[in-house]
Amino acid sequence: ASLQFPRHRLLLGHAGMELGVPFDLSASHRLTAFASSALRHTLGEEGTVVIGVPGQEATIVSEKAPTFGESGLGLRLDPKDPRGLGAHIRGDMRYGSGVSGYTLSAGIRFGF
């Protein structure tokens, strides 16, 4: 049995912006509410994978979404000193021809 992933190059162009409003919570931390929006464009060919056993092979071709948009909202907690604990939570939505999806992410960061 074999599984082949041919060499594939994909270039993703991205133009976007993020707008945020910071609020000082304390002497050590700042909370920023933000909104982001971006337009992404895929440059490259479709992806292919070949799955097979001797005598039989199947090729799977994935269609790319050439152009799609992405919008998001979130909150970010940043230390005023680069060293310290920070956190974020954000939700994103992707939309366009052949693309539809939502994500929610959260994380913490410690700078030292």
N, C-alpha and C. Protein backbone atom coordinates (compact mmCIF):
# COMPACT_ATOMS: atom_id res chain seq x y z
N ALA A 1 0.85 -1.18 0.00
CA ALA A 1 0.00 0.00 0.00
C ALA A 1 0.89 1.24 0.00
N SER A 2 0.40 2.30 -0.59
CA SER A 2 1.19 3.53 -0.64
C SER A 2 0.28 4.73 -0.50
N LEU A 3 0.87 5.78 -0.02
CA LEU A 3 0.20 7.06 0.12
C LEU A 3 1.21 8.11 -0.32
N GLN A 4 0.89 8.83 -1.39
CA GLN A 4 1.84 9.79 -1.97
C GLN A 4 1.27 11.20 -1.91
N PHE A 5 2.09 12.10 -1.43
CA PHE A 5 1.75 13.51 -1.44
C PHE A 5 2.75 14.21 -2.35
N PRO A 6 2.36 14.54 -3.58
CA PRO A 6 3.31 15.21 -4.46
C PRO A 6 3.71 16.57 -3.91
N ARG A 7 4.88 17.04 -4.33
CA ARG A 7 5.35 18.36 -3.91
C ARG A 7 4.31 19.38 -4.36
N HIS A 8 3.88 20.18 -3.42
CA HIS A 8 2.81 21.13 -3.71
C HIS A 8 3.19 22.49 -3.14
N ARG A 9 3.09 23.48 -3.95
CA ARG A 9 3.39 24.84 -3.49
C ARG A 9 2.10 25.65 -3.54
N LEU A 10 1.83 26.30 -2.46
CA LEU A 10 0.62 27.10 -2.36
C LEU A 10 1.01 28.45 -1.78
N LEU A 11 0.59 29.48 -2.43
CA LEU A 11 0.89 30.83 -1.98
C LEU A 11 -0.44 31.49 -1.63
N LEU A 12 -0.51 32.06 -0.44
CA LEU A 12 -1.73 32.70 0.03
C LEU A 12 -1.46 34.18 0.22
N GLY A 13 -2.14 35.00 -0.58
CA GLY A 13 -2.03 36.45 -0.44
C GLY A 13 -3.03 36.93 0.60
N HIS A 14 -2.69 37.97 1.33
CA HIS A 14 -3.51 38.41 2.45
C HIS A 14 -3.45 39.93 2.56
N ALA A 15 -4.61 40.56 2.59
CA ALA A 15 -4.69 42.00 2.87
C ALA A 15 -5.79 42.17 3.91
N GLY A 16 -5.48 42.87 4.99
CA GLY A 16 -6.48 43.02 6.03
C GLY A 16 -6.12 44.10 7.02
N MET A 17 -7.00 44.24 8.00
CA MET A 17 -6.77 45.24 9.02
C MET A 17 -7.39 44.78 10.34
N GLU A 18 -6.85 45.34 11.42
CA GLU A 18 -7.40 45.08 12.75
C GLU A 18 -7.53 46.41 13.46
N LEU A 19 -8.71 46.64 14.01
CA LEU A 19 -8.96 47.85 14.77
C LEU A 19 -9.25 47.47 16.20
N GLY A 20 -8.62 48.16 17.14
CA GLY A 20 -8.82 47.83 18.54
C GLY A 20 -8.93 49.05 19.41
N VAL A 21 -9.58 48.88 20.54
CA VAL A 21 -9.73 49.94 21.53
C VAL A 21 -9.18 49.42 22.85
N PRO A 22 -8.06 50.01 23.32
CA PRO A 22 -7.48 49.54 24.59
C PRO A 22 -8.11 50.22 25.80
N PHE A 23 -8.21 49.46 26.88
CA PHE A 23 -8.70 49.97 28.15
C PHE A 23 -7.68 49.59 29.21
N ASP A 24 -7.25 50.56 30.01
CA ASP A 24 -6.34 50.26 31.11
C ASP A 24 -7.14 49.64 32.25
N LEU A 25 -6.81 48.39 32.59
CA LEU A 25 -7.49 47.71 33.69
C LEU A 25 -6.83 47.97 35.02
N SER A 26 -5.52 48.05 34.99
CA SER A 26 -4.76 48.24 36.23
C SER A 26 -3.43 48.87 35.85
N ALA A 27 -2.58 49.03 36.84
CA ALA A 27 -1.25 49.58 36.57
C ALA A 27 -0.39 48.60 35.78
N SER A 28 -0.80 47.32 35.75
CA SER A 28 0.04 46.31 35.10
C SER A 28 -0.56 45.70 33.83
N HIS A 29 -1.88 45.84 33.57
CA HIS A 29 -2.50 45.18 32.43
C HIS A 29 -3.45 46.09 31.65
N ARG A 30 -3.56 45.79 30.37
CA ARG A 30 -4.41 46.52 29.44
C ARG A 30 -5.31 45.51 28.73
N LEU A 31 -6.60 45.81 28.59
CA LEU A 31 -7.55 44.97 27.85
C LEU A 31 -7.87 45.67 26.53
N THR A 32 -7.77 44.93 25.43
CA THR A 32 -8.07 45.48 24.11
C THR A 32 -9.19 44.68 23.47
N ALA A 33 -10.26 45.37 23.10
CA ALA A 33 -11.33 44.76 22.31
C ALA A 33 -11.00 45.07 20.86
N PHE A 34 -11.09 44.07 19.97
CA PHE A 34 -10.69 44.31 18.59
C PHE A 34 -11.62 43.61 17.60
N ALA A 35 -11.61 44.13 16.39
CA ALA A 35 -12.32 43.55 15.25
C ALA A 35 -11.32 43.49 14.10
N SER A 36 -11.36 42.40 13.35
CA SER A 36 -10.44 42.26 12.22
C SER A 36 -11.21 41.82 10.99
N SER A 37 -10.67 42.17 9.85
CA SER A 37 -11.26 41.76 8.58
C SER A 37 -10.13 41.60 7.58
N ALA A 38 -10.25 40.58 6.73
CA ALA A 38 -9.18 40.32 5.76
C ALA A 38 -9.77 39.70 4.50
N LEU A 39 -9.09 39.92 3.42
CA LEU A 39 -9.39 39.28 2.15
C LEU A 39 -8.18 38.42 1.80
N ARG A 40 -8.41 37.15 1.52
CA ARG A 40 -7.32 36.22 1.21
C ARG A 40 -7.52 35.66 -0.19
N HIS A 41 -6.41 35.47 -0.90
CA HIS A 41 -6.46 34.92 -2.25
C HIS A 41 -5.41 33.82 -2.39
N THR A 42 -5.85 32.66 -2.86
CA THR A 42 -4.97 31.51 -3.03
C THR A 42 -4.38 31.51 -4.43
N LEU A 43 -3.07 31.45 -4.51
CA LEU A 43 -2.36 31.36 -5.78
C LEU A 43 -1.68 30.00 -5.82
N GLY A 44 -1.94 29.24 -6.82
CA GLY A 44 -1.32 27.92 -6.90
C GLY A 44 -2.29 26.92 -7.48
N GLU A 45 -1.85 25.70 -7.52
CA GLU A 45 -2.67 24.66 -8.13
C GLU A 45 -3.42 23.88 -7.07
N GLU A 46 -4.33 23.01 -7.53
CA GLU A 46 -5.10 22.19 -6.62
C GLU A 46 -4.21 21.13 -5.99
N GLY A 47 -4.55 20.71 -4.78
CA GLY A 47 -3.78 19.69 -4.09
C GLY A 47 -4.24 18.30 -4.50
N THR A 48 -3.30 17.38 -4.62
CA THR A 48 -3.63 16.00 -4.97
C THR A 48 -2.95 15.04 -4.01
N VAL A 49 -3.61 13.93 -3.78
CA VAL A 49 -3.06 12.84 -2.97
C VAL A 49 -3.36 11.56 -3.73
N VAL A 50 -2.39 10.68 -3.83
CA VAL A 50 -2.57 9.39 -4.50
C VAL A 50 -2.52 8.29 -3.45
N ILE A 51 -3.60 7.50 -3.37
CA ILE A 51 -3.70 6.39 -2.43
C ILE A 51 -3.76 5.11 -3.27
N GLY A 52 -3.00 4.10 -2.91
CA GLY A 52 -3.06 2.91 -3.74
C GLY A 52 -2.45 1.68 -3.14
N VAL A 53 -2.80 0.57 -3.75
CA VAL A 53 -2.19 -0.73 -3.50
C VAL A 53 -1.74 -1.22 -4.86
N PRO A 54 -0.83 -2.15 -4.93
CA PRO A 54 -0.36 -2.60 -6.25
C PRO A 54 -1.54 -2.98 -7.17
N GLY A 55 -1.57 -2.34 -8.33
CA GLY A 55 -2.61 -2.62 -9.32
C GLY A 55 -3.81 -1.69 -9.23
N GLN A 56 -3.98 -1.00 -8.13
CA GLN A 56 -5.11 -0.08 -8.00
C GLN A 56 -4.65 1.18 -7.29
N GLU A 57 -4.98 2.31 -7.88
CA GLU A 57 -4.65 3.60 -7.28
C GLU A 57 -5.85 4.52 -7.41
N ALA A 58 -6.00 5.38 -6.46
CA ALA A 58 -7.05 6.39 -6.50
C ALA A 58 -6.40 7.74 -6.25
N THR A 59 -6.79 8.73 -7.02
CA THR A 59 -6.27 10.08 -6.86
C THR A 59 -7.37 10.96 -6.29
N ILE A 60 -7.05 11.66 -5.24
CA ILE A 60 -7.99 12.60 -4.63
C ILE A 60 -7.48 14.00 -4.92
N VAL A 61 -8.34 14.82 -5.49
CA VAL A 61 -7.98 16.20 -5.82
C VAL A 61 -8.82 17.13 -4.97
N SER A 62 -8.17 18.03 -4.26
CA SER A 62 -8.91 19.01 -3.47
C SER A 62 -9.02 20.31 -4.25
N GLU A 63 -10.20 20.84 -4.25
CA GLU A 63 -10.41 22.12 -4.93
C GLU A 63 -10.00 23.24 -3.99
N LYS A 64 -9.37 24.22 -4.52
CA LYS A 64 -8.98 25.36 -3.70
C LYS A 64 -10.07 26.43 -3.76
N ALA A 65 -10.14 27.21 -2.75
CA ALA A 65 -11.04 28.36 -2.74
C ALA A 65 -10.20 29.56 -3.15
N PRO A 66 -10.39 30.09 -4.35
CA PRO A 66 -9.47 31.12 -4.83
C PRO A 66 -9.47 32.40 -4.01
N THR A 67 -10.62 32.92 -3.64
CA THR A 67 -10.68 34.16 -2.88
C THR A 67 -11.74 34.01 -1.80
N PHE A 68 -11.41 34.39 -0.58
CA PHE A 68 -12.38 34.32 0.50
C PHE A 68 -12.10 35.40 1.52
N GLY A 69 -13.08 35.69 2.32
CA GLY A 69 -12.96 36.71 3.36
C GLY A 69 -12.90 36.08 4.73
N GLU A 70 -12.36 36.83 5.68
CA GLU A 70 -12.29 36.38 7.06
C GLU A 70 -12.54 37.58 7.96
N SER A 71 -13.44 37.42 8.92
CA SER A 71 -13.74 38.49 9.88
C SER A 71 -13.68 37.91 11.28
N GLY A 72 -13.31 38.74 12.25
CA GLY A 72 -13.20 38.24 13.61
C GLY A 72 -13.42 39.31 14.65
N LEU A 73 -13.75 38.86 15.85
CA LEU A 73 -13.90 39.71 17.03
C LEU A 73 -13.14 39.07 18.18
N GLY A 74 -12.59 39.89 19.07
CA GLY A 74 -11.87 39.29 20.18
C GLY A 74 -11.52 40.25 21.28
N LEU A 75 -10.97 39.67 22.33
CA LEU A 75 -10.45 40.42 23.48
C LEU A 75 -9.03 39.94 23.74
N ARG A 76 -8.15 40.89 24.06
CA ARG A 76 -6.76 40.56 24.33
C ARG A 76 -6.35 41.26 25.64
N LEU A 77 -5.77 40.51 26.54
CA LEU A 77 -5.26 41.05 27.80
C LEU A 77 -3.74 41.05 27.72
N ASP A 78 -3.15 42.22 27.74
CA ASP A 78 -1.70 42.34 27.59
C ASP A 78 -1.08 42.98 28.83
N PRO A 79 0.08 42.49 29.25
CA PRO A 79 0.80 43.18 30.33
C PRO A 79 1.42 44.46 29.76
N LYS A 80 1.46 45.50 30.56
CA LYS A 80 2.10 46.74 30.10
C LYS A 80 3.61 46.58 30.01
N ASP A 81 4.16 45.72 30.84
CA ASP A 81 5.57 45.36 30.77
C ASP A 81 5.66 44.13 29.86
N PRO A 82 6.60 44.08 28.91
CA PRO A 82 6.68 42.92 28.01
C PRO A 82 6.84 41.59 28.73
N ARG A 83 7.32 41.63 29.97
CA ARG A 83 7.43 40.40 30.76
C ARG A 83 6.16 40.29 31.60
N GLY A 84 5.50 39.16 31.48
CA GLY A 84 4.29 38.97 32.26
C GLY A 84 3.31 38.06 31.54
N LEU A 85 2.16 37.89 32.16
CA LEU A 85 1.15 36.98 31.67
C LEU A 85 0.11 37.73 30.84
N GLY A 86 -0.22 37.20 29.68
CA GLY A 86 -1.25 37.77 28.81
C GLY A 86 -2.19 36.67 28.35
N ALA A 87 -3.33 37.06 27.78
CA ALA A 87 -4.31 36.08 27.31
C ALA A 87 -5.12 36.69 26.17
N HIS A 88 -5.78 35.81 25.41
CA HIS A 88 -6.66 36.28 24.35
C HIS A 88 -7.78 35.28 24.12
N ILE A 89 -8.88 35.79 23.57
CA ILE A 89 -9.96 34.95 23.08
C ILE A 89 -10.48 35.64 21.82
N ARG A 90 -10.74 34.85 20.77
CA ARG A 90 -11.23 35.45 19.53
C ARG A 90 -12.09 34.45 18.78
N GLY A 91 -13.02 34.98 18.03
CA GLY A 91 -13.85 34.17 17.15
C GLY A 91 -13.70 34.69 15.74
N ASP A 92 -13.57 33.78 14.78
CA ASP A 92 -13.40 34.15 13.37
C ASP A 92 -14.43 33.44 12.51
N MET A 93 -14.75 34.07 11.40
CA MET A 93 -15.67 33.51 10.42
C MET A 93 -15.02 33.64 9.05
N ARG A 94 -14.99 32.53 8.29
CA ARG A 94 -14.49 32.55 6.92
C ARG A 94 -15.66 32.35 5.99
N TYR A 95 -15.66 33.08 4.88
CA TYR A 95 -16.79 33.02 3.95
C TYR A 95 -16.31 33.29 2.53
N GLY A 96 -16.99 32.72 1.58
CA GLY A 96 -16.65 32.91 0.17
C GLY A 96 -17.13 31.73 -0.63
N SER A 97 -16.78 31.72 -1.89
CA SER A 97 -17.17 30.64 -2.78
C SER A 97 -16.43 29.36 -2.38
N GLY A 98 -17.14 28.37 -1.88
CA GLY A 98 -16.52 27.11 -1.48
C GLY A 98 -15.89 27.13 -0.11
N VAL A 99 -16.01 28.23 0.64
CA VAL A 99 -15.43 28.33 1.98
C VAL A 99 -16.50 28.81 2.94
N SER A 100 -16.64 28.11 4.03
CA SER A 100 -17.57 28.51 5.07
C SER A 100 -17.10 27.87 6.37
N GLY A 101 -16.90 28.66 7.39
CA GLY A 101 -16.46 28.07 8.65
C GLY A 101 -16.32 29.09 9.75
N TYR A 102 -16.28 28.58 10.97
CA TYR A 102 -16.15 29.39 12.16
C TYR A 102 -15.07 28.79 13.05
N THR A 103 -14.35 29.64 13.75
CA THR A 103 -13.39 29.16 14.73
C THR A 103 -13.48 30.00 16.00
N LEU A 104 -13.17 29.38 17.10
CA LEU A 104 -13.06 30.06 18.37
C LEU A 104 -11.73 29.63 18.97
N SER A 105 -10.90 30.59 19.33
CA SER A 105 -9.60 30.24 19.90
C SER A 105 -9.33 31.07 21.14
N ALA A 106 -8.54 30.50 22.02
CA ALA A 106 -8.15 31.19 23.24
C ALA A 106 -6.74 30.75 23.59
N GLY A 107 -6.03 31.58 24.30
CA GLY A 107 -4.67 31.21 24.66
C GLY A 107 -4.11 32.10 25.75
N ILE A 108 -3.02 31.65 26.32
CA ILE A 108 -2.29 32.45 27.30
C ILE A 108 -0.85 32.56 26.85
N ARG A 109 -0.19 33.61 27.27
CA ARG A 109 1.20 33.85 26.88
C ARG A 109 1.94 34.40 28.08
N PHE A 110 3.15 33.94 28.25
CA PHE A 110 4.01 34.47 29.30
C PHE A 110 5.28 34.97 28.66
N GLY A 111 5.55 36.25 28.82
CA GLY A 111 6.78 36.84 28.30
C GLY A 111 7.84 36.88 29.40
N PHE A 112 9.08 36.58 29.02
CA PHE A 112 10.17 36.63 30.01
C PHE A 112 11.40 37.22 29.38
